[in-house]
Every structure is written in C-alpha cells, then in structure tokens.
Amino acid sequence: MKQIRLLVIASTLMIAITTLAQQPSGPGGPTRQTHLTVLTEKLGLTEAQQIKAKPILQEMDDAVQKIMHDDTLSRKEQLDKVRPCREKADKKLRKILSDDQKAKLDELEHQPHPELHDDLNGSTPQTH
C-alpha cells in the first residue's frame, strides 16, 4: 500500500514539476509561487508552513530543471531521475503538515490540477 501511495505521489509531483520545469518562470506559465499558492489554498498552509515549504519546492525545482535541461538524457531517463527528487520533496513537505493536511494532500494527489497543468491539454486554467 505504501508503494502504491508513493507511486501516486511521485507521479502527481512529476507532472506538476515537469510542467514547471518546461515553463519559464513568470508570465505564461506556472511558477514556484503558483505551486506554493495551490498547496496553500488546497491544504490550508499556515504562513510558517509556507516559509518552510518554499525552500523545499525551490530545491526540487532546481534539481528538476537541471535534469530536464540535460540534453544527453532521453525523456524516460529524465523522468526516471526526476522521480527521486519529487519523492524527497514529498517526504520533506509531509514533515511540516498536520495529519489533516496530509489527508488533504492524499486527496489532492488523486485530482487533476488545471491551475498547474493547463499547458498539458492546451486549455486555459479552470477552477474546481
């Protein structure tokens, strides 16, 4: 069960961060701040949790961007190398969450996130 959960978490984070890695920060694409904002809204992060989450997201994004810009790797190799980065970030994020927030994160990871992935289907972000 834990392995399935980790796979779902890793897959969700992989999509989110791959999207972030492929998009320039700033107008026209999701930013780290957008990711933090989504987590804050969906999980009800406190200001203290946001401060702790920001460097976790930064570290993950930096590692993912480095991997995704490595032209010597195939797409599959890139995604295989990104997965551990996301799992590491997920573990770190969960350490700062309450049990209720962890449950919300579990639910969130099973839902589509058009606010982060609008470029995957070519549409504009939608609200739930």
N, C-alpha and C. Protein backbone atom coordinates (compact mmCIF):
# COMPACT_ATOMS: atom_id res chain seq x y z
N MET A 1 0.82 -1.20 0.00
CA MET A 1 0.00 0.00 0.00
C MET A 1 0.86 1.25 0.00
N LYS A 2 1.95 1.25 0.80
CA LYS A 2 2.83 2.40 0.84
C LYS A 2 3.49 2.63 -0.51
N GLN A 3 3.84 1.54 -1.20
CA GLN A 3 4.49 1.68 -2.50
C GLN A 3 3.54 2.29 -3.52
N ILE A 4 2.28 1.88 -3.47
CA ILE A 4 1.29 2.46 -4.39
C ILE A 4 1.11 3.94 -4.08
N ARG A 5 1.04 4.26 -2.80
CA ARG A 5 0.87 5.65 -2.39
C ARG A 5 2.05 6.50 -2.86
N LEU A 6 3.26 5.99 -2.66
CA LEU A 6 4.45 6.72 -3.11
C LEU A 6 4.45 6.89 -4.63
N LEU A 7 4.01 5.86 -5.35
CA LEU A 7 3.95 5.94 -6.80
C LEU A 7 2.97 7.03 -7.24
N VAL A 8 1.81 7.07 -6.60
CA VAL A 8 0.81 8.10 -6.93
C VAL A 8 1.36 9.48 -6.61
N ILE A 9 1.98 9.61 -5.45
CA ILE A 9 2.55 10.90 -5.04
C ILE A 9 3.62 11.32 -6.03
N ALA A 10 4.52 10.39 -6.34
CA ALA A 10 5.62 10.71 -7.25
C ALA A 10 5.08 11.09 -8.62
N SER A 11 4.07 10.37 -9.09
CA SER A 11 3.51 10.67 -10.41
C SER A 11 2.87 12.05 -10.44
N THR A 12 2.13 12.37 -9.40
CA THR A 12 1.49 13.68 -9.34
C THR A 12 2.52 14.80 -9.29
N LEU A 13 3.50 14.63 -8.42
CA LEU A 13 4.55 15.64 -8.33
C LEU A 13 5.35 15.72 -9.63
N MET A 14 5.55 14.56 -10.27
CA MET A 14 6.31 14.53 -11.52
C MET A 14 5.62 15.39 -12.57
N ILE A 15 4.33 15.23 -12.68
CA ILE A 15 3.58 16.03 -13.67
C ILE A 15 3.67 17.51 -13.32
N ALA A 16 3.47 17.82 -12.06
CA ALA A 16 3.50 19.22 -11.64
C ALA A 16 4.86 19.85 -11.88
N ILE A 17 5.90 19.18 -11.48
CA ILE A 17 7.23 19.76 -11.59
C ILE A 17 7.74 19.72 -13.03
N THR A 18 7.39 18.69 -13.77
CA THR A 18 7.78 18.66 -15.18
C THR A 18 7.15 19.85 -15.90
N THR A 19 5.91 20.13 -15.56
CA THR A 19 5.25 21.29 -16.14
C THR A 19 5.97 22.56 -15.76
N LEU A 20 6.33 22.68 -14.49
CA LEU A 20 7.05 23.86 -14.04
C LEU A 20 8.41 23.95 -14.70
N ALA A 21 9.09 22.82 -14.86
CA ALA A 21 10.42 22.82 -15.44
C ALA A 21 10.38 23.21 -16.92
N GLN A 22 9.30 22.89 -17.59
CA GLN A 22 9.21 23.18 -19.01
C GLN A 22 8.74 24.60 -19.28
N GLN A 23 8.18 25.23 -18.29
CA GLN A 23 7.65 26.57 -18.46
C GLN A 23 8.61 27.59 -17.88
N PRO A 24 8.75 28.70 -18.53
CA PRO A 24 9.57 29.76 -17.93
C PRO A 24 8.86 30.31 -16.71
N SER A 25 9.63 30.70 -15.71
CA SER A 25 9.03 31.35 -14.56
C SER A 25 8.53 32.71 -15.00
N GLY A 26 7.39 33.07 -14.50
CA GLY A 26 6.83 34.37 -14.86
C GLY A 26 5.59 34.22 -15.71
N PRO A 27 5.22 35.27 -16.43
CA PRO A 27 4.01 35.26 -17.22
C PRO A 27 4.00 34.13 -18.24
N GLY A 28 2.84 33.52 -18.41
CA GLY A 28 2.68 32.50 -19.42
C GLY A 28 2.85 31.09 -18.90
N GLY A 29 3.32 30.91 -17.70
CA GLY A 29 3.50 29.57 -17.17
C GLY A 29 3.46 29.57 -15.66
N PRO A 30 3.17 28.38 -15.09
CA PRO A 30 3.13 28.31 -13.64
C PRO A 30 4.51 28.57 -13.04
N THR A 31 4.54 29.14 -11.88
CA THR A 31 5.79 29.43 -11.20
C THR A 31 5.83 28.65 -9.90
N ARG A 32 6.99 28.68 -9.25
CA ARG A 32 7.09 28.05 -7.93
C ARG A 32 6.07 28.67 -6.99
N GLN A 33 5.87 29.97 -7.14
CA GLN A 33 4.89 30.65 -6.29
C GLN A 33 3.49 30.12 -6.55
N THR A 34 3.18 29.82 -7.82
CA THR A 34 1.88 29.25 -8.14
C THR A 34 1.71 27.91 -7.45
N HIS A 35 2.75 27.09 -7.49
CA HIS A 35 2.72 25.79 -6.83
C HIS A 35 2.48 25.96 -5.33
N LEU A 36 3.20 26.89 -4.73
CA LEU A 36 3.03 27.16 -3.30
C LEU A 36 1.63 27.68 -3.01
N THR A 37 1.13 28.53 -3.88
CA THR A 37 -0.22 29.08 -3.70
C THR A 37 -1.27 27.97 -3.76
N VAL A 38 -1.12 27.06 -4.71
CA VAL A 38 -2.06 25.94 -4.82
C VAL A 38 -2.02 25.09 -3.56
N LEU A 39 -0.82 24.76 -3.10
CA LEU A 39 -0.71 23.97 -1.87
C LEU A 39 -1.31 24.72 -0.68
N THR A 40 -1.07 26.03 -0.63
CA THR A 40 -1.61 26.83 0.46
C THR A 40 -3.14 26.82 0.44
N GLU A 41 -3.72 27.03 -0.72
CA GLU A 41 -5.17 27.06 -0.85
C GLU A 41 -5.80 25.71 -0.58
N LYS A 42 -5.23 24.66 -1.15
CA LYS A 42 -5.83 23.33 -1.05
C LYS A 42 -5.60 22.67 0.31
N LEU A 43 -4.45 22.96 0.93
CA LEU A 43 -4.13 22.31 2.20
C LEU A 43 -4.31 23.23 3.41
N GLY A 44 -4.51 24.51 3.15
CA GLY A 44 -4.63 25.47 4.25
C GLY A 44 -3.32 25.67 4.98
N LEU A 45 -2.23 25.82 4.22
CA LEU A 45 -0.93 26.02 4.85
C LEU A 45 -0.91 27.32 5.64
N THR A 46 -0.30 27.26 6.80
CA THR A 46 -0.11 28.47 7.59
C THR A 46 1.07 29.25 7.01
N GLU A 47 1.24 30.47 7.47
CA GLU A 47 2.37 31.27 7.00
C GLU A 47 3.69 30.59 7.35
N ALA A 48 3.78 30.01 8.53
CA ALA A 48 5.00 29.31 8.95
C ALA A 48 5.27 28.10 8.05
N GLN A 49 4.21 27.39 7.67
CA GLN A 49 4.38 26.23 6.78
C GLN A 49 4.81 26.69 5.38
N GLN A 50 4.26 27.81 4.92
CA GLN A 50 4.65 28.33 3.61
C GLN A 50 6.13 28.67 3.59
N ILE A 51 6.61 29.26 4.66
CA ILE A 51 8.02 29.62 4.76
C ILE A 51 8.89 28.37 4.69
N LYS A 52 8.44 27.29 5.34
CA LYS A 52 9.19 26.03 5.33
C LYS A 52 9.06 25.31 3.99
N ALA A 53 7.91 25.43 3.33
CA ALA A 53 7.67 24.73 2.07
C ALA A 53 8.42 25.37 0.90
N LYS A 54 8.59 26.67 0.95
CA LYS A 54 9.20 27.38 -0.17
C LYS A 54 10.59 26.85 -0.54
N PRO A 55 11.51 26.66 0.42
CA PRO A 55 12.82 26.13 0.04
C PRO A 55 12.76 24.67 -0.42
N ILE A 56 11.78 23.92 0.07
CA ILE A 56 11.62 22.53 -0.39
C ILE A 56 11.24 22.53 -1.86
N LEU A 57 10.28 23.37 -2.23
CA LEU A 57 9.86 23.48 -3.63
C LEU A 57 10.99 24.03 -4.49
N GLN A 58 11.73 24.98 -3.95
CA GLN A 58 12.87 25.59 -4.67
C GLN A 58 13.92 24.52 -4.97
N GLU A 59 14.28 23.75 -3.96
CA GLU A 59 15.30 22.72 -4.12
C GLU A 59 14.86 21.68 -5.15
N MET A 60 13.60 21.26 -5.05
CA MET A 60 13.08 20.28 -6.00
C MET A 60 13.07 20.85 -7.41
N ASP A 61 12.60 22.07 -7.56
CA ASP A 61 12.51 22.68 -8.87
C ASP A 61 13.90 22.86 -9.49
N ASP A 62 14.87 23.29 -8.68
CA ASP A 62 16.23 23.46 -9.20
C ASP A 62 16.80 22.14 -9.70
N ALA A 63 16.59 21.07 -8.91
CA ALA A 63 17.09 19.75 -9.31
C ALA A 63 16.39 19.26 -10.57
N VAL A 64 15.09 19.45 -10.62
CA VAL A 64 14.31 19.00 -11.79
C VAL A 64 14.71 19.79 -13.04
N GLN A 65 14.87 21.09 -12.89
CA GLN A 65 15.25 21.90 -14.06
C GLN A 65 16.61 21.46 -14.61
N LYS A 66 17.53 21.18 -13.72
CA LYS A 66 18.85 20.72 -14.15
C LYS A 66 18.74 19.42 -14.94
N ILE A 67 17.93 18.49 -14.44
CA ILE A 67 17.73 17.22 -15.13
C ILE A 67 17.03 17.43 -16.47
N MET A 68 15.98 18.23 -16.47
CA MET A 68 15.18 18.41 -17.69
C MET A 68 15.94 19.17 -18.77
N HIS A 69 16.96 19.91 -18.39
CA HIS A 69 17.77 20.63 -19.38
C HIS A 69 19.00 19.84 -19.82
N ASP A 70 19.13 18.62 -19.33
CA ASP A 70 20.24 17.76 -19.72
C ASP A 70 19.88 17.05 -21.02
N ASP A 71 20.37 17.59 -22.13
CA ASP A 71 20.04 17.06 -23.45
C ASP A 71 20.67 15.70 -23.73
N THR A 72 21.56 15.25 -22.87
CA THR A 72 22.18 13.94 -23.08
C THR A 72 21.26 12.81 -22.61
N LEU A 73 20.20 13.16 -21.88
CA LEU A 73 19.27 12.16 -21.36
C LEU A 73 18.03 12.06 -22.24
N SER A 74 17.52 10.84 -22.39
CA SER A 74 16.24 10.66 -23.08
C SER A 74 15.13 11.15 -22.16
N ARG A 75 13.96 11.32 -22.70
CA ARG A 75 12.81 11.77 -21.91
C ARG A 75 12.55 10.81 -20.74
N LYS A 76 12.62 9.51 -21.02
CA LYS A 76 12.41 8.50 -19.98
C LYS A 76 13.49 8.60 -18.91
N GLU A 77 14.73 8.77 -19.32
CA GLU A 77 15.82 8.91 -18.35
C GLU A 77 15.63 10.15 -17.48
N GLN A 78 15.17 11.23 -18.11
CA GLN A 78 14.92 12.45 -17.34
C GLN A 78 13.85 12.20 -16.28
N LEU A 79 12.75 11.59 -16.70
CA LEU A 79 11.66 11.33 -15.77
C LEU A 79 12.08 10.36 -14.67
N ASP A 80 12.90 9.37 -15.01
CA ASP A 80 13.40 8.43 -14.02
C ASP A 80 14.28 9.11 -12.99
N LYS A 81 15.04 10.12 -13.41
CA LYS A 81 15.92 10.84 -12.49
C LYS A 81 15.14 11.87 -11.67
N VAL A 82 14.04 12.35 -12.21
CA VAL A 82 13.23 13.35 -11.53
C VAL A 82 12.42 12.72 -10.39
N ARG A 83 11.98 11.50 -10.58
CA ARG A 83 11.13 10.83 -9.59
C ARG A 83 11.70 10.88 -8.18
N PRO A 84 12.97 10.52 -7.96
CA PRO A 84 13.51 10.58 -6.59
C PRO A 84 13.52 12.00 -6.01
N CYS A 85 13.70 13.00 -6.86
CA CYS A 85 13.67 14.40 -6.40
C CYS A 85 12.29 14.73 -5.84
N ARG A 86 11.28 14.27 -6.53
CA ARG A 86 9.90 14.54 -6.11
C ARG A 86 9.54 13.77 -4.84
N GLU A 87 10.00 12.54 -4.78
CA GLU A 87 9.72 11.74 -3.58
C GLU A 87 10.39 12.36 -2.36
N LYS A 88 11.60 12.85 -2.56
CA LYS A 88 12.33 13.51 -1.46
C LYS A 88 11.56 14.76 -1.00
N ALA A 89 11.09 15.56 -1.95
CA ALA A 89 10.34 16.77 -1.62
C ALA A 89 9.03 16.41 -0.92
N ASP A 90 8.36 15.38 -1.39
CA ASP A 90 7.11 14.97 -0.78
C ASP A 90 7.33 14.58 0.68
N LYS A 91 8.38 13.81 0.95
CA LYS A 91 8.68 13.41 2.32
C LYS A 91 8.96 14.64 3.19
N LYS A 92 9.70 15.58 2.66
CA LYS A 92 10.01 16.79 3.42
C LYS A 92 8.74 17.61 3.68
N LEU A 93 7.90 17.75 2.66
CA LEU A 93 6.66 18.51 2.83
C LEU A 93 5.76 17.86 3.87
N ARG A 94 5.66 16.55 3.84
CA ARG A 94 4.79 15.85 4.78
C ARG A 94 5.23 16.05 6.23
N LYS A 95 6.52 16.31 6.46
CA LYS A 95 7.02 16.53 7.81
C LYS A 95 6.49 17.82 8.42
N ILE A 96 6.11 18.77 7.56
CA ILE A 96 5.62 20.05 8.08
C ILE A 96 4.09 20.14 8.08
N LEU A 97 3.42 19.08 7.62
CA LEU A 97 1.97 19.08 7.54
C LEU A 97 1.33 18.42 8.75
N SER A 98 0.14 18.87 9.09
CA SER A 98 -0.66 18.21 10.11
C SER A 98 -1.26 16.93 9.51
N ASP A 99 -1.80 16.08 10.36
CA ASP A 99 -2.43 14.85 9.86
C ASP A 99 -3.58 15.17 8.91
N ASP A 100 -4.35 16.21 9.23
CA ASP A 100 -5.46 16.61 8.37
C ASP A 100 -4.95 17.09 7.01
N GLN A 101 -3.87 17.86 7.01
CA GLN A 101 -3.29 18.35 5.76
C GLN A 101 -2.71 17.19 4.94
N LYS A 102 -2.13 16.21 5.60
CA LYS A 102 -1.61 15.04 4.89
C LYS A 102 -2.75 14.30 4.19
N ALA A 103 -3.88 14.18 4.87
CA ALA A 103 -5.05 13.54 4.27
C ALA A 103 -5.54 14.35 3.06
N LYS A 104 -5.56 15.67 3.19
CA LYS A 104 -5.95 16.53 2.07
C LYS A 104 -4.97 16.38 0.91
N LEU A 105 -3.68 16.26 1.22
CA LEU A 105 -2.67 16.08 0.18
C LEU A 105 -2.89 14.76 -0.54
N ASP A 106 -3.21 13.71 0.21
CA ASP A 106 -3.51 12.42 -0.41
C ASP A 106 -4.65 12.56 -1.42
N GLU A 107 -5.71 13.28 -1.04
CA GLU A 107 -6.84 13.51 -1.93
C GLU A 107 -6.43 14.37 -3.12
N LEU A 108 -5.67 15.40 -2.85
CA LEU A 108 -5.23 16.33 -3.89
C LEU A 108 -4.42 15.62 -4.96
N GLU A 109 -3.62 14.66 -4.54
CA GLU A 109 -2.76 13.95 -5.48
C GLU A 109 -3.54 13.03 -6.42
N HIS A 110 -4.81 12.82 -6.13
CA HIS A 110 -5.65 11.99 -7.00
C HIS A 110 -6.56 12.83 -7.89
N GLN A 111 -6.39 14.14 -7.87
CA GLN A 111 -7.24 15.04 -8.64
C GLN A 111 -6.44 15.74 -9.73
N PRO A 112 -7.12 16.15 -10.82
CA PRO A 112 -6.44 16.96 -11.83
C PRO A 112 -6.18 18.37 -11.28
N HIS A 113 -5.15 19.01 -11.78
CA HIS A 113 -4.77 20.34 -11.32
C HIS A 113 -4.58 21.26 -12.51
N PRO A 114 -5.69 21.71 -13.12
CA PRO A 114 -5.56 22.55 -14.30
C PRO A 114 -4.82 23.85 -14.03
N GLU A 115 -4.84 24.33 -12.79
CA GLU A 115 -4.13 25.56 -12.48
C GLU A 115 -2.61 25.39 -12.60
N LEU A 116 -2.14 24.15 -12.54
CA LEU A 116 -0.72 23.87 -12.71
C LEU A 116 -0.42 23.24 -14.06
N HIS A 117 -1.42 22.60 -14.68
CA HIS A 117 -1.16 21.79 -15.86
C HIS A 117 -1.93 22.22 -17.09
N ASP A 118 -2.33 23.47 -17.17
CA ASP A 118 -3.13 23.89 -18.30
C ASP A 118 -2.40 23.69 -19.62
N ASP A 119 -1.08 23.69 -19.61
CA ASP A 119 -0.35 23.52 -20.86
C ASP A 119 -0.36 22.08 -21.33
N LEU A 120 -0.74 21.13 -20.50
CA LEU A 120 -0.74 19.73 -20.90
C LEU A 120 -1.85 19.42 -21.88
N ASN A 121 -2.94 20.17 -21.80
CA ASN A 121 -4.03 19.91 -22.73
C ASN A 121 -4.34 21.11 -23.62
N GLY A 122 -3.53 22.13 -23.52
CA GLY A 122 -3.68 23.28 -24.40
C GLY A 122 -4.81 24.21 -24.03
N SER A 123 -5.43 23.99 -22.88
CA SER A 123 -6.54 24.86 -22.49
C SER A 123 -6.10 25.84 -21.42
N THR A 124 -7.00 26.69 -21.07
CA THR A 124 -6.70 27.66 -20.01
C THR A 124 -7.08 27.04 -18.68
N PRO A 125 -6.49 27.55 -17.59
CA PRO A 125 -6.80 27.01 -16.27
C PRO A 125 -8.27 27.12 -15.94
N GLN A 126 -8.75 26.11 -15.24
CA GLN A 126 -10.13 26.09 -14.80
C GLN A 126 -10.14 26.00 -13.29
N THR A 127 -11.25 26.37 -12.69
CA THR A 127 -11.39 26.21 -11.26
C THR A 127 -12.28 25.01 -10.98
N HIS A 128 -12.07 24.39 -9.84
CA HIS A 128 -12.88 23.23 -9.45
C HIS A 128 -14.18 23.66 -8.86
